[in-house]
Amino acid sequence: MTIAKCPLCGEKVKVGIKPWIGQEVDCPACDATLEVVSLRPLSLDWPYDDEGYYETGYDEELELEEDEF
């Protein structure tokens, strides 16, 4: 069994014996839906939606300071 770290909570996530890029897995601790983005090293991140943005599962909007543009 291959294991990776959840980028949200840091918990270990079981990915399977032969993970592949784009494989979706769920974190058992925080229920985040994650995607395999790298095999060596094995790395998880939030999946992209059709427009190329991460789907974090959160509905909060990010506010940027005027000097951050």
C-alpha atoms as a PDB file:
ATOM      1  CA  MET A   1       0.000   0.000   0.000  1.00  0.00           C
ATOM      2  CA  THR A   2       1.355   3.425  -0.962  1.00  0.00           C
ATOM      3  CA  ILE A   3       0.846   6.319   1.449  1.00  0.00           C
ATOM      4  CA  ALA A   4       0.990  10.094   0.903  1.00  0.00           C
ATOM      5  CA  LYS A   5       0.473  13.116   3.154  1.00  0.00           C
ATOM      6  CA  CYS A   6      -2.717  15.224   3.062  1.00  0.00           C
ATOM      7  CA  PRO A   7      -1.810  18.844   2.189  1.00  0.00           C
ATOM      8  CA  LEU A   8      -4.682  20.137   4.348  1.00  0.00           C
ATOM      9  CA  CYS A   9      -4.317  18.298   7.648  1.00  0.00           C
ATOM     10  CA  GLY A  10      -1.039  16.361   7.292  1.00  0.00           C
ATOM     11  CA  GLU A  11      -2.679  12.971   7.884  1.00  0.00           C
ATOM     12  CA  LYS A  12      -1.430   9.870   6.050  1.00  0.00           C
ATOM     13  CA  VAL A  13      -3.643   8.919   3.080  1.00  0.00           C
ATOM     14  CA  LYS A  14      -3.632   5.423   1.575  1.00  0.00           C
ATOM     15  CA  VAL A  15      -3.359   5.755  -2.198  1.00  0.00           C
ATOM     16  CA  GLY A  16      -3.160   2.112  -3.307  1.00  0.00           C
ATOM     17  CA  ILE A  17      -0.516  -0.226  -4.690  1.00  0.00           C
ATOM     18  CA  LYS A  18      -0.106   1.441  -8.105  1.00  0.00           C
ATOM     19  CA  PRO A  19      -1.082   5.120  -7.902  1.00  0.00           C
ATOM     20  CA  TRP A  20      -1.478   7.160 -11.106  1.00  0.00           C
ATOM     21  CA  ILE A  21      -1.467  10.849 -11.920  1.00  0.00           C
ATOM     22  CA  GLY A  22      -5.020  12.167 -11.606  1.00  0.00           C
ATOM     23  CA  GLN A  23      -6.182   9.436  -9.206  1.00  0.00           C
ATOM     24  CA  GLU A  24      -8.612  10.872  -6.677  1.00  0.00           C
ATOM     25  CA  VAL A  25      -8.497   9.784  -3.034  1.00  0.00           C
ATOM     26  CA  ASP A  26     -10.202  10.954   0.154  1.00  0.00           C
ATOM     27  CA  CYS A  27      -8.385  11.878   3.346  1.00  0.00           C
ATOM     28  CA  PRO A  28      -9.721   9.761   6.221  1.00  0.00           C
ATOM     29  CA  ALA A  29      -9.120  12.536   8.770  1.00  0.00           C
ATOM     30  CA  CYS A  30     -10.536  15.680   7.124  1.00  0.00           C
ATOM     31  CA  ASP A  31     -12.587  14.175   4.237  1.00  0.00           C
ATOM     32  CA  ALA A  32     -10.756  16.314   1.652  1.00  0.00           C
ATOM     33  CA  THR A  33     -10.954  14.995  -1.892  1.00  0.00           C
ATOM     34  CA  LEU A  34      -7.403  14.968  -3.222  1.00  0.00           C
ATOM     35  CA  GLU A  35      -5.650  14.107  -6.470  1.00  0.00           C
ATOM     36  CA  VAL A  36      -2.297  12.442  -7.115  1.00  0.00           C
ATOM     37  CA  VAL A  37      -0.174  15.159  -8.758  1.00  0.00           C
ATOM     38  CA  SER A  38       3.263  13.517  -8.581  1.00  0.00           C
ATOM     39  CA  LEU A  39       4.486   9.933  -8.357  1.00  0.00           C
ATOM     40  CA  ARG A  40       8.115  10.517  -7.373  1.00  0.00           C
ATOM     41  CA  PRO A  41       7.840  11.758  -4.736  1.00  0.00           C
ATOM     42  CA  LEU A  42       4.228  10.761  -4.227  1.00  0.00           C
ATOM     43  CA  SER A  43       2.313  13.989  -3.718  1.00  0.00           C
ATOM     44  CA  LEU A  44      -1.352  14.942  -3.299  1.00  0.00           C
ATOM     45  CA  ASP A  45      -3.110  18.240  -3.960  1.00  0.00           C
ATOM     46  CA  TRP A  46      -6.655  19.481  -4.513  1.00  0.00           C
ATOM     47  CA  PRO A  47      -8.105  18.415  -7.889  1.00  0.00           C
ATOM     48  CA  TYR A  48      -8.514  20.908 -10.723  1.00  0.00           C
ATOM     49  CA  ASP A  49     -11.960  21.634 -12.091  1.00  0.00           C
ATOM     50  CA  ASP A  50     -12.674  22.054 -15.824  1.00  0.00           C
ATOM     51  CA  GLU A  51     -11.430  25.649 -15.774  1.00  0.00           C
ATOM     52  CA  GLY A  52      -8.076  24.756 -14.205  1.00  0.00           C
ATOM     53  CA  TYR A  53      -8.836  25.980 -10.694  1.00  0.00           C
ATOM     54  CA  TYR A  54      -8.447  23.916  -7.561  1.00  0.00           C
ATOM     55  CA  GLU A  55     -11.627  22.546  -6.037  1.00  0.00           C
ATOM     56  CA  THR A  56     -10.981  22.982  -2.338  1.00  0.00           C
ATOM     57  CA  GLY A  57     -14.500  22.326  -1.154  1.00  0.00           C
ATOM     58  CA  TYR A  58     -14.534  25.681   0.592  1.00  0.00           C
ATOM     59  CA  ASP A  59     -16.890  28.479  -0.429  1.00  0.00           C
ATOM     60  CA  GLU A  60     -14.878  31.306   1.056  1.00  0.00           C
ATOM     61  CA  GLU A  61     -13.602  34.077  -1.190  1.00  0.00           C
ATOM     62  CA  LEU A  62     -10.040  35.280  -0.974  1.00  0.00           C
ATOM     63  CA  GLU A  63      -9.625  38.994  -0.464  1.00  0.00           C
ATOM     64  CA  LEU A  64      -6.477  40.538  -1.883  1.00  0.00           C
ATOM     65  CA  GLU A  65      -4.922  43.681  -0.564  1.00  0.00           C
ATOM     66  CA  GLU A  66      -4.618  46.433  -3.148  1.00  0.00           C
ATOM     67  CA  ASP A  67      -0.811  46.119  -3.109  1.00  0.00           C
ATOM     68  CA  GLU A  68      -0.960  42.375  -3.896  1.00  0.00           C
ATOM     69  CA  PHE A  69      -1.898  42.902  -7.562  1.00  0.00           C
END
